[in-house]
C-alpha atoms as a PDB file:
ATOM      1  CA  UNK A   1      31.622  -3.599  38.293  1.00  0.00           C
ATOM      2  CA  UNK A   2      28.689  -6.098  38.485  1.00  0.00           C
ATOM      3  CA  UNK A   3      29.073  -9.427  36.798  1.00  0.00           C
ATOM      4  CA  UNK A   4      26.221  -8.924  34.895  1.00  0.00           C
ATOM      5  CA  UNK A   5      27.913  -5.821  32.949  1.00  0.00           C
ATOM      6  CA  UNK A   6      31.210  -7.118  33.130  1.00  0.00           C
ATOM      7  CA  UNK A   7      29.911 -10.266  30.738  1.00  0.00           C
ATOM      8  CA  UNK A   8      28.744  -7.785  28.255  1.00  0.00           C
ATOM      9  CA  UNK A   9      31.377  -5.202  27.695  1.00  0.00           C
ATOM     10  CA  UNK A  10      34.214  -5.201  25.651  1.00  0.00           C
ATOM     11  CA  UNK A  11      33.483  -8.761  24.600  1.00  0.00           C
ATOM     12  CA  UNK A  12      30.343  -9.935  22.678  1.00  0.00           C
ATOM     13  CA  UNK A  13      28.980 -13.045  24.214  1.00  0.00           C
ATOM     14  CA  UNK A  14      27.790 -14.695  20.417  1.00  0.00           C
ATOM     15  CA  UNK A  15      29.924 -13.281  17.143  1.00  0.00           C
ATOM     16  CA  UNK A  16      33.669 -14.725  17.261  1.00  0.00           C
ATOM     17  CA  UNK A  17      36.029 -11.842  15.999  1.00  0.00           C
ATOM     18  CA  UNK A  18      37.155 -12.540  12.917  1.00  0.00           C
ATOM     19  CA  UNK A  19      41.045 -12.972  12.655  1.00  0.00           C
ATOM     20  CA  UNK A  20      41.364 -10.728   9.908  1.00  0.00           C
ATOM     21  CA  UNK A  21      39.460  -7.898  12.046  1.00  0.00           C
ATOM     22  CA  UNK A  22      42.056  -8.723  14.892  1.00  0.00           C
ATOM     23  CA  UNK A  23      45.044  -8.172  12.436  1.00  0.00           C
ATOM     24  CA  UNK A  24      43.529  -4.717  11.178  1.00  0.00           C
ATOM     25  CA  UNK A  25      43.202  -3.546  15.062  1.00  0.00           C
ATOM     26  CA  UNK A  26      46.611  -4.531  15.880  1.00  0.00           C
ATOM     27  CA  UNK A  27      48.314  -2.398  12.899  1.00  0.00           C
ATOM     28  CA  UNK A  28      45.780   0.527  13.997  1.00  0.00           C
ATOM     29  CA  UNK A  29      47.293   0.162  17.557  1.00  0.00           C
ATOM     30  CA  UNK A  30      51.034  -0.417  16.200  1.00  0.00           C
ATOM     31  CA  UNK A  31      51.025   2.966  14.061  1.00  0.00           C
ATOM     32  CA  UNK A  32      49.259   4.859  16.647  1.00  0.00           C
ATOM     33  CA  UNK A  33      50.783   3.617  20.027  1.00  0.00           C
ATOM     34  CA  UNK A  34      47.549   2.897  21.245  1.00  0.00           C
ATOM     35  CA  UNK A  35      46.589   1.640  24.468  1.00  0.00           C
ATOM     36  CA  UNK A  36      43.598  -0.374  23.140  1.00  0.00           C
ATOM     37  CA  UNK A  37      41.380  -0.827  20.140  1.00  0.00           C
ATOM     38  CA  UNK A  38      37.469  -1.131  20.170  1.00  0.00           C
ATOM     39  CA  UNK A  39      35.398  -2.853  17.196  1.00  0.00           C
ATOM     40  CA  UNK A  40      31.829  -2.089  17.239  1.00  0.00           C
ATOM     41  CA  UNK A  41      28.959  -1.790  14.558  1.00  0.00           C
ATOM     42  CA  UNK A  42      26.837  -3.874  12.565  1.00  0.00           C
ATOM     43  CA  UNK A  43      29.829  -5.966  11.459  1.00  0.00           C
ATOM     44  CA  UNK A  44      30.745  -6.705  14.912  1.00  0.00           C
ATOM     45  CA  UNK A  45      26.928  -8.639  15.155  1.00  0.00           C
ATOM     46  CA  UNK A  46      27.066 -10.335  11.696  1.00  0.00           C
ATOM     47  CA  UNK A  47      30.856 -11.447  11.616  1.00  0.00           C
ATOM     48  CA  UNK A  48      31.014  -9.875   8.105  1.00  0.00           C
ATOM     49  CA  UNK A  49      34.032  -8.499   6.569  1.00  0.00           C
ATOM     50  CA  UNK A  50      31.861  -6.575   3.631  1.00  0.00           C
ATOM     51  CA  UNK A  51      31.481  -2.542   3.859  1.00  0.00           C
ATOM     52  CA  UNK A  52      33.270  -0.550   6.568  1.00  0.00           C
ATOM     53  CA  UNK A  53      34.590  -1.971   9.713  1.00  0.00           C
ATOM     54  CA  UNK A  54      34.000   0.301  12.520  1.00  0.00           C
ATOM     55  CA  UNK A  55      37.160   0.934  14.981  1.00  0.00           C
ATOM     56  CA  UNK A  56      37.405   3.310  18.376  1.00  0.00           C
ATOM     57  CA  UNK A  57      41.703   3.316  18.898  1.00  0.00           C
ATOM     58  CA  UNK A  58      42.285   4.727  22.321  1.00  0.00           C
ATOM     59  CA  UNK A  59      45.679   6.421  22.821  1.00  0.00           C
ATOM     60  CA  UNK A  60      47.265   7.264  25.979  1.00  0.00           C
ATOM     61  CA  UNK A  61      46.673  10.940  27.754  1.00  0.00           C
ATOM     62  CA  UNK A  62      44.005  12.761  29.421  1.00  0.00           C
ATOM     63  CA  UNK A  63      40.765  15.148  28.841  1.00  0.00           C
ATOM     64  CA  UNK A  64      41.572  16.462  25.571  1.00  0.00           C
ATOM     65  CA  UNK A  65      40.193  20.026  24.772  1.00  0.00           C
ATOM     66  CA  UNK A  66      38.567  20.890  21.571  1.00  0.00           C
ATOM     67  CA  UNK A  67      36.353  18.775  19.247  1.00  0.00           C
ATOM     68  CA  UNK A  68      37.124  14.880  19.208  1.00  0.00           C
ATOM     69  CA  UNK A  69      37.430  12.220  18.031  1.00  0.00           C
ATOM     70  CA  UNK A  70      39.572  12.186  14.919  1.00  0.00           C
ATOM     71  CA  UNK A  71      38.447  10.294  12.253  1.00  0.00           C
ATOM     72  CA  UNK A  72      40.005   8.570   9.209  1.00  0.00           C
ATOM     73  CA  UNK A  73      39.256   6.205   6.970  1.00  0.00           C
ATOM     74  CA  UNK A  74      41.817   3.106   5.906  1.00  0.00           C
ATOM     75  CA  UNK A  75      42.286   0.283   3.338  1.00  0.00           C
ATOM     76  CA  UNK A  76      44.474  -2.654   3.287  1.00  0.00           C
ATOM     77  CA  UNK A  77      44.351  -5.967   1.895  1.00  0.00           C
ATOM     78  CA  UNK A  78      45.083  -9.096   4.255  1.00  0.00           C
ATOM     79  CA  UNK A  79      45.698 -12.484   2.582  1.00  0.00           C
ATOM     80  CA  UNK A  80      43.843 -11.461  -0.544  1.00  0.00           C
ATOM     81  CA  UNK A  81      40.904  -9.835   0.948  1.00  0.00           C
ATOM     82  CA  UNK A  82      40.405  -6.562   0.769  1.00  0.00           C
ATOM     83  CA  UNK A  83      39.485  -4.158   4.037  1.00  0.00           C
ATOM     84  CA  UNK A  84      38.062  -0.949   4.681  1.00  0.00           C
ATOM     85  CA  UNK A  85      37.557   0.873   7.972  1.00  0.00           C
ATOM     86  CA  UNK A  86      36.478   3.987   9.505  1.00  0.00           C
ATOM     87  CA  UNK A  87      38.714   5.088  12.569  1.00  0.00           C
ATOM     88  CA  UNK A  88      37.444   7.200  15.318  1.00  0.00           C
ATOM     89  CA  UNK A  89      41.009   8.199  17.686  1.00  0.00           C
ATOM     90  CA  UNK A  90      40.852   9.632  21.039  1.00  0.00           C
ATOM     91  CA  UNK A  91      42.648   9.628  24.322  1.00  0.00           C
ATOM     92  CA  UNK A  92      41.653   7.230  26.690  1.00  0.00           C
ATOM     93  CA  UNK A  93      41.220  10.046  29.352  1.00  0.00           C
ATOM     94  CA  UNK A  94      38.619  12.104  27.086  1.00  0.00           C
ATOM     95  CA  UNK A  95      36.887   7.864  26.116  1.00  0.00           C
ATOM     96  CA  UNK A  96      36.541   7.871  30.051  1.00  0.00           C
ATOM     97  CA  UNK A  97      35.260  11.067  30.849  1.00  0.00           C
ATOM     98  CA  UNK A  98      32.821  11.163  27.678  1.00  0.00           C
ATOM     99  CA  UNK A  99      31.530   7.204  28.977  1.00  0.00           C
ATOM    100  CA  UNK A 100      31.027   9.038  32.403  1.00  0.00           C
ATOM    101  CA  UNK A 101      28.600  11.502  31.079  1.00  0.00           C
ATOM    102  CA  UNK A 102      31.045  14.446  32.433  1.00  0.00           C
ATOM    103  CA  UNK A 103      31.192  16.076  28.932  1.00  0.00           C
ATOM    104  CA  UNK A 104      28.382  17.344  26.433  1.00  0.00           C
ATOM    105  CA  UNK A 105      29.078  14.552  24.349  1.00  0.00           C
ATOM    106  CA  UNK A 106      25.986  12.093  23.987  1.00  0.00           C
ATOM    107  CA  UNK A 107      27.593   9.580  21.727  1.00  0.00           C
ATOM    108  CA  UNK A 108      29.915   7.942  23.809  1.00  0.00           C
ATOM    109  CA  UNK A 109      27.909   6.383  26.267  1.00  0.00           C
ATOM    110  CA  UNK A 110      24.798   5.734  23.836  1.00  0.00           C
ATOM    111  CA  UNK A 111      27.080   4.086  21.344  1.00  0.00           C
ATOM    112  CA  UNK A 112      28.842   2.105  24.016  1.00  0.00           C
ATOM    113  CA  UNK A 113      26.117   0.759  26.124  1.00  0.00           C
ATOM    114  CA  UNK A 114      25.824  -1.290  22.825  1.00  0.00           C
ATOM    115  CA  UNK A 115      27.788  -4.002  21.986  1.00  0.00           C
ATOM    116  CA  UNK A 116      31.425  -3.680  21.672  1.00  0.00           C
ATOM    117  CA  UNK A 117      34.894  -5.761  21.522  1.00  0.00           C
ATOM    118  CA  UNK A 118      37.815  -4.962  22.685  1.00  0.00           C
ATOM    119  CA  UNK A 119      39.996  -6.588  19.978  1.00  0.00           C
ATOM    120  CA  UNK A 120      43.498  -5.413  21.290  1.00  0.00           C
ATOM    121  CA  UNK A 121      44.853  -4.194  24.339  1.00  0.00           C
ATOM    122  CA  UNK A 122      48.380  -2.984  25.027  1.00  0.00           C
ATOM    123  CA  UNK A 123      48.333  -4.868  28.384  1.00  0.00           C
ATOM    124  CA  UNK A 124      45.982  -6.307  30.999  1.00  0.00           C
ATOM    125  CA  UNK A 125      45.962  -2.507  32.896  1.00  0.00           C
ATOM    126  CA  UNK A 126      44.881  -1.226  29.528  1.00  0.00           C
ATOM    127  CA  UNK A 127      42.434  -3.552  29.376  1.00  0.00           C
ATOM    128  CA  UNK A 128      40.860  -2.947  32.713  1.00  0.00           C
ATOM    129  CA  UNK A 129      40.694   1.013  32.286  1.00  0.00           C
ATOM    130  CA  UNK A 130      38.927   0.470  28.977  1.00  0.00           C
ATOM    131  CA  UNK A 131      36.358  -2.137  30.665  1.00  0.00           C
ATOM    132  CA  UNK A 132      35.903   0.723  33.284  1.00  0.00           C
ATOM    133  CA  UNK A 133      34.691   3.160  30.788  1.00  0.00           C
ATOM    134  CA  UNK A 134      32.425   0.947  29.113  1.00  0.00           C
ATOM    135  CA  UNK A 135      31.094  -0.085  32.534  1.00  0.00           C
ATOM    136  CA  UNK A 136      30.796   3.802  33.148  1.00  0.00           C
ATOM    137  CA  UNK A 137      29.006   4.129  29.804  1.00  0.00           C
ATOM    138  CA  UNK A 138      26.591   1.799  30.937  1.00  0.00           C
ATOM    139  CA  UNK A 139      25.465   3.398  34.567  1.00  0.00           C
ATOM    140  CA  UNK A 140      25.365   6.830  32.266  1.00  0.00           C
ATOM    141  CA  UNK A 141      22.786   5.435  29.804  1.00  0.00           C
ATOM    142  CA  UNK A 142      20.754   3.155  32.754  1.00  0.00           C
ATOM    143  CA  UNK A 143      20.159   6.690  34.974  1.00  0.00           C
ATOM    144  CA  UNK A 144      18.958   8.515  31.642  1.00  0.00           C
ATOM    145  CA  UNK A 145      17.114   5.185  30.617  1.00  0.00           C
ATOM    146  CA  UNK A 146      14.767   5.371  33.814  1.00  0.00           C
ATOM    147  CA  UNK A 147      14.805   9.055  34.145  1.00  0.00           C
ATOM    148  CA  UNK A 148      13.301   9.490  30.773  1.00  0.00           C
ATOM    149  CA  UNK A 149      11.038   6.038  30.634  1.00  0.00           C
ATOM    150  CA  UNK A 150       8.046   4.730  31.983  1.00  0.00           C
ATOM    151  CA  UNK A 151       7.333   4.741  36.144  1.00  0.00           C
ATOM    152  CA  UNK A 152       7.136   0.984  35.338  1.00  0.00           C
ATOM    153  CA  UNK A 153       8.344  -1.454  32.332  1.00  0.00           C
ATOM    154  CA  UNK A 154      10.545  -4.037  30.173  1.00  0.00           C
ATOM    155  CA  UNK A 155      13.729  -3.430  30.178  1.00  0.00           C
ATOM    156  CA  UNK A 156      13.371  -2.375  25.907  1.00  0.00           C
ATOM    157  CA  UNK A 157      10.889  -0.118  27.202  1.00  0.00           C
ATOM    158  CA  UNK A 158      13.770   1.892  29.195  1.00  0.00           C
ATOM    159  CA  UNK A 159      16.247   1.630  26.247  1.00  0.00           C
ATOM    160  CA  UNK A 160      13.758   2.184  23.559  1.00  0.00           C
ATOM    161  CA  UNK A 161      13.441   5.616  25.592  1.00  0.00           C
ATOM    162  CA  UNK A 162      16.790   6.338  25.679  1.00  0.00           C
ATOM    163  CA  UNK A 163      17.316   5.755  22.007  1.00  0.00           C
ATOM    164  CA  UNK A 164      14.658   7.747  20.914  1.00  0.00           C
ATOM    165  CA  UNK A 165      15.891  10.338  22.977  1.00  0.00           C
ATOM    166  CA  UNK A 166      19.627  10.530  21.867  1.00  0.00           C
ATOM    167  CA  UNK A 167      18.889   9.893  18.165  1.00  0.00           C
ATOM    168  CA  UNK A 168      16.039  13.075  18.185  1.00  0.00           C
ATOM    169  CA  UNK A 169      19.353  14.907  20.069  1.00  0.00           C
ATOM    170  CA  UNK A 170      21.941  14.247  17.105  1.00  0.00           C
ATOM    171  CA  UNK A 171      22.057  14.704  13.511  1.00  0.00           C
ATOM    172  CA  UNK A 172      21.439  11.695  12.387  1.00  0.00           C
ATOM    173  CA  UNK A 173      19.767   9.932   9.208  1.00  0.00           C
ATOM    174  CA  UNK A 174      18.183   6.816  10.597  1.00  0.00           C
ATOM    175  CA  UNK A 175      14.705   6.293   9.938  1.00  0.00           C
ATOM    176  CA  UNK A 176      11.948   6.221  12.440  1.00  0.00           C
ATOM    177  CA  UNK A 177      12.272   2.974  14.478  1.00  0.00           C
ATOM    178  CA  UNK A 178      15.843   2.887  14.512  1.00  0.00           C
ATOM    179  CA  UNK A 179      15.999   1.886  18.065  1.00  0.00           C
ATOM    180  CA  UNK A 180      13.672  -1.155  17.865  1.00  0.00           C
ATOM    181  CA  UNK A 181      16.213  -2.518  15.107  1.00  0.00           C
ATOM    182  CA  UNK A 182      18.903  -1.859  17.813  1.00  0.00           C
ATOM    183  CA  UNK A 183      17.020  -3.879  20.727  1.00  0.00           C
ATOM    184  CA  UNK A 184      15.894  -6.751  18.286  1.00  0.00           C
ATOM    185  CA  UNK A 185      19.487  -7.559  16.843  1.00  0.00           C
ATOM    186  CA  UNK A 186      21.204  -7.454  20.353  1.00  0.00           C
ATOM    187  CA  UNK A 187      18.119  -8.710  22.487  1.00  0.00           C
ATOM    188  CA  UNK A 188      20.922 -11.534  24.217  1.00  0.00           C
ATOM    189  CA  UNK A 189      23.033  -8.107  25.018  1.00  0.00           C
ATOM    190  CA  UNK A 190      20.581  -6.151  26.524  1.00  0.00           C
ATOM    191  CA  UNK A 191      18.742  -8.918  28.697  1.00  0.00           C
ATOM    192  CA  UNK A 192      19.596  -8.355  32.186  1.00  0.00           C
ATOM    193  CA  UNK A 193      21.711  -5.188  31.609  1.00  0.00           C
ATOM    194  CA  UNK A 194      19.356  -2.771  32.751  1.00  0.00           C
ATOM    195  CA  UNK A 195      19.351  -4.087  36.286  1.00  0.00           C
ATOM    196  CA  UNK A 196      22.666  -4.803  36.531  1.00  0.00           C
ATOM    197  CA  UNK A 197      23.701  -1.430  35.506  1.00  0.00           C
ATOM    198  CA  UNK A 198      21.121   0.121  37.948  1.00  0.00           C
ATOM    199  CA  UNK A 199      23.079  -1.728  40.646  1.00  0.00           C
ATOM    200  CA  UNK A 200      26.062  -0.321  39.731  1.00  0.00           C
ATOM    201  CA  UNK A 201      24.964   3.059  39.577  1.00  0.00           C
ATOM    202  CA  UNK A 202      23.140   2.584  42.814  1.00  0.00           C
ATOM    203  CA  UNK A 203      19.691   3.008  41.866  1.00  0.00           C
ATOM    204  CA  UNK A 204      17.081   1.030  43.391  1.00  0.00           C
ATOM    205  CA  UNK A 205      14.353  -1.120  42.032  1.00  0.00           C
ATOM    206  CA  UNK A 206      12.048  -4.028  42.250  1.00  0.00           C
ATOM    207  CA  UNK A 207      11.235  -6.588  39.409  1.00  0.00           C
ATOM    208  CA  UNK A 208       8.433  -9.018  38.943  1.00  0.00           C
ATOM    209  CA  UNK A 209       8.958 -11.163  35.860  1.00  0.00           C
ATOM    210  CA  UNK A 210       9.912  -9.040  33.226  1.00  0.00           C
ATOM    211  CA  UNK A 211       8.503  -5.441  34.753  1.00  0.00           C
ATOM    212  CA  UNK A 212      11.053  -3.089  36.187  1.00  0.00           C
ATOM    213  CA  UNK A 213       9.730  -0.351  38.678  1.00  0.00           C
ATOM    214  CA  UNK A 214      12.922   1.914  39.613  1.00  0.00           C
ATOM    215  CA  UNK A 215      13.026   3.439  42.803  1.00  0.00           C
ATOM    216  CA  UNK A 216      14.397   7.357  42.160  1.00  0.00           C
ATOM    217  CA  UNK A 217      12.674  10.239  43.787  1.00  0.00           C
ATOM    218  CA  UNK A 218      11.548  13.236  42.253  1.00  0.00           C
ATOM    219  CA  UNK A 219      14.830  15.305  42.938  1.00  0.00           C
ATOM    220  CA  UNK A 220      17.080  12.646  41.215  1.00  0.00           C
ATOM    221  CA  UNK A 221      15.097  12.375  38.282  1.00  0.00           C
ATOM    222  CA  UNK A 222      15.040  16.127  38.055  1.00  0.00           C
ATOM    223  CA  UNK A 223      18.741  16.390  38.169  1.00  0.00           C
ATOM    224  CA  UNK A 224      19.181  13.705  35.635  1.00  0.00           C
ATOM    225  CA  UNK A 225      16.676  15.580  33.221  1.00  0.00           C
ATOM    226  CA  UNK A 226      18.506  18.891  33.551  1.00  0.00           C
ATOM    227  CA  UNK A 227      21.713  17.198  33.201  1.00  0.00           C
ATOM    228  CA  UNK A 228      19.994  15.652  29.842  1.00  0.00           C
ATOM    229  CA  UNK A 229      18.189  19.023  28.961  1.00  0.00           C
ATOM    230  CA  UNK A 230      21.668  20.806  28.152  1.00  0.00           C
ATOM    231  CA  UNK A 231      23.190  18.263  25.932  1.00  0.00           C
ATOM    232  CA  UNK A 232      19.769  17.556  23.765  1.00  0.00           C
ATOM    233  CA  UNK A 233      20.180  21.167  23.188  1.00  0.00           C
ATOM    234  CA  UNK A 234      23.962  21.008  22.504  1.00  0.00           C
ATOM    235  CA  UNK A 235      23.376  18.031  20.526  1.00  0.00           C
ATOM    236  CA  UNK A 236      22.669  19.066  16.846  1.00  0.00           C
ATOM    237  CA  UNK A 237      25.019  22.105  16.957  1.00  0.00           C
ATOM    238  CA  UNK A 238      27.864  19.701  18.305  1.00  0.00           C
ATOM    239  CA  UNK A 239      26.977  17.314  15.391  1.00  0.00           C
ATOM    240  CA  UNK A 240      27.555  20.203  12.881  1.00  0.00           C
ATOM    241  CA  UNK A 241      30.642  21.454  14.506  1.00  0.00           C
ATOM    242  CA  UNK A 242      32.246  18.182  14.129  1.00  0.00           C
ATOM    243  CA  UNK A 243      30.795  17.681  10.457  1.00  0.00           C
ATOM    244  CA  UNK A 244      32.555  20.687   9.428  1.00  0.00           C
ATOM    245  CA  UNK A 245      35.524  19.747  11.207  1.00  0.00           C
ATOM    246  CA  UNK A 246      35.767  16.487   9.528  1.00  0.00           C
ATOM    247  CA  UNK A 247      35.908  17.934   5.898  1.00  0.00           C
ATOM    248  CA  UNK A 248      39.233  19.184   6.836  1.00  0.00           C
ATOM    249  CA  UNK A 249      40.615  16.530   8.970  1.00  0.00           C
ATOM    250  CA  UNK A 250      39.211  13.536   8.116  1.00  0.00           C
ATOM    251  CA  UNK A 251      41.481  11.363   6.800  1.00  0.00           C
ATOM    252  CA  UNK A 252      41.346   9.342   3.412  1.00  0.00           C
ATOM    253  CA  UNK A 253      38.239  11.173   2.920  1.00  0.00           C
ATOM    254  CA  UNK A 254      38.445  10.947  -0.857  1.00  0.00           C
ATOM    255  CA  UNK A 255      39.017   7.311  -0.821  1.00  0.00           C
ATOM    256  CA  UNK A 256      36.179   6.740   1.157  1.00  0.00           C
ATOM    257  CA  UNK A 257      33.740   9.318  -0.469  1.00  0.00           C
ATOM    258  CA  UNK A 258      34.961   7.391  -3.847  1.00  0.00           C
ATOM    259  CA  UNK A 259      34.371   4.153  -2.295  1.00  0.00           C
ATOM    260  CA  UNK A 260      30.667   4.892  -1.138  1.00  0.00           C
ATOM    261  CA  UNK A 261      30.048   6.254  -4.581  1.00  0.00           C
ATOM    262  CA  UNK A 262      31.483   3.017  -6.143  1.00  0.00           C
ATOM    263  CA  UNK A 263      29.462   0.868  -4.201  1.00  0.00           C
ATOM    264  CA  UNK A 264      26.058   2.938  -4.153  1.00  0.00           C
ATOM    265  CA  UNK A 265      26.330   3.805  -7.776  1.00  0.00           C
ATOM    266  CA  UNK A 266      28.630   1.468  -9.527  1.00  0.00           C
ATOM    267  CA  UNK A 267      30.212   4.452 -11.018  1.00  0.00           C
ATOM    268  CA  UNK A 268      34.202   4.213  -9.770  1.00  0.00           C
ATOM    269  CA  UNK A 269      35.901   7.502  -9.307  1.00  0.00           C
ATOM    270  CA  UNK A 270      39.207   8.388  -9.744  1.00  0.00           C
ATOM    271  CA  UNK A 271      40.886   9.337  -6.847  1.00  0.00           C
ATOM    272  CA  UNK A 272      43.718  11.912  -7.778  1.00  0.00           C
ATOM    273  CA  UNK A 273      46.428  13.248  -5.507  1.00  0.00           C
ATOM    274  CA  UNK A 274      44.750  16.689  -5.929  1.00  0.00           C
ATOM    275  CA  UNK A 275      41.320  15.211  -4.912  1.00  0.00           C
ATOM    276  CA  UNK A 276      43.074  13.525  -2.102  1.00  0.00           C
ATOM    277  CA  UNK A 277      44.482  16.608  -0.512  1.00  0.00           C
ATOM    278  CA  UNK A 278      41.336  18.906  -1.399  1.00  0.00           C
ATOM    279  CA  UNK A 279      38.231  16.559  -0.979  1.00  0.00           C
ATOM    280  CA  UNK A 280      35.925  19.636  -0.348  1.00  0.00           C
ATOM    281  CA  UNK A 281      37.614  21.424  -3.404  1.00  0.00           C
ATOM    282  CA  UNK A 282      37.008  18.282  -5.215  1.00  0.00           C
ATOM    283  CA  UNK A 283      33.512  17.607  -4.594  1.00  0.00           C
ATOM    284  CA  UNK A 284      31.760  20.112  -7.471  1.00  0.00           C
ATOM    285  CA  UNK A 285      34.266  18.172  -9.789  1.00  0.00           C
ATOM    286  CA  UNK A 286      33.313  14.662  -8.619  1.00  0.00           C
ATOM    287  CA  UNK A 287      29.507  15.465  -8.853  1.00  0.00           C
ATOM    288  CA  UNK A 288      30.209  16.449 -12.170  1.00  0.00           C
ATOM    289  CA  UNK A 289      31.915  13.494 -13.284  1.00  0.00           C
ATOM    290  CA  UNK A 290      28.939  11.166 -11.624  1.00  0.00           C
ATOM    291  CA  UNK A 291      26.463  13.047 -13.477  1.00  0.00           C
ATOM    292  CA  UNK A 292      27.674  12.784 -16.767  1.00  0.00           C
ATOM    293  CA  UNK A 293      28.092   9.229 -16.187  1.00  0.00           C
ATOM    294  CA  UNK A 294      24.832   8.459 -14.972  1.00  0.00           C
ATOM    295  CA  UNK A 295      23.530  10.545 -18.129  1.00  0.00           C
ATOM    296  CA  UNK A 296      25.615   8.673 -20.474  1.00  0.00           C
ATOM    297  CA  UNK A 297      24.660   5.429 -18.619  1.00  0.00           C
ATOM    298  CA  UNK A 298      20.892   6.583 -19.166  1.00  0.00           C
ATOM    299  CA  UNK A 299      21.381   6.952 -22.676  1.00  0.00           C
ATOM    300  CA  UNK A 300      23.080   4.015 -23.568  1.00  0.00           C
END
C-alpha cells in the first residue's frame, strides 16, 4: 500500500468525525461483535447529523454465499440529539473479496474508492485488515478507470469515466452528471489518488503536469474490459434481487419509510407493531393514509 493511497483511505483529511457518529458506531459494533465500522456518504463530507448516517459494519468471517449485505435502520438519541442510521452488515472476508473485484458486485470498490472513515476498530490488526481492503478497492477502481478512460487525460477524466460506467450498470435514481458532483465535492480526496493507485496496481504511466498517460497494453485493457462487461450485464439484475430481498430482510424498514415520508411530505405515519412486522403488506394502507392526508390538506 503506497503512502499516497494510505493517506486517503479510512480517514478523511478535512472533516473531523463528530463524536456522536463515533458513539453510534461503537454501539453498532458492540451489538454485533464487529471487527470494524466504516462511516461514509454525504454526512461524512458535511459533518452534519441531519438525515440518515451511513455505516458499514464488518463482522468476522470469510466470504459469504447468497445476497449481501444485510441492511437495517436504527434510531437512537444521544445527549438529547435524535440520530438515524442506515446500516449495511457483511463479513470482512466478503468486503475484502468484493474490494479486490473477485465478486460480480460493483458497489463495494466503486463506493469505497470514494471517501470513508474507519470510525471504530476492535484492535489494530482489524483496522489494518480493513485498510488493506480499502486499498484494494482503490486499485480495482483505478484499473477500470484507465481501461475505460481516454488514452491520456486528467485524473478527473478517468474517474469520471469510471463513475459514469458504474452508475449506468446499477439500478440508480441519480440524475445525469452525478459523477461530476462526486468529484467536485471530494477534490482533495481524489487529487493524486489515481497515480498512487496505479503504482500500487503495477500499472505504468507517464505524467506531464495534470495530464496522465497510462501504459496499459491492448491485451491487458481487453482483459479488464471483459471483466467489466460481465459485471455490467449483471449489475441491474443483482440490484433488483437485492431490492426484493430487502423487502423481507430490511430491519426497521417501516420506521425508515415513515421517517422518509414525514421528512418529504410533513405527514406523520404511525408505525404500529403490525406495520413494523409486515412492511410490504402495510404499504397499500400507508399509501391510502398518505393520499387521504394530502387530500384533506388540499381542501383546508
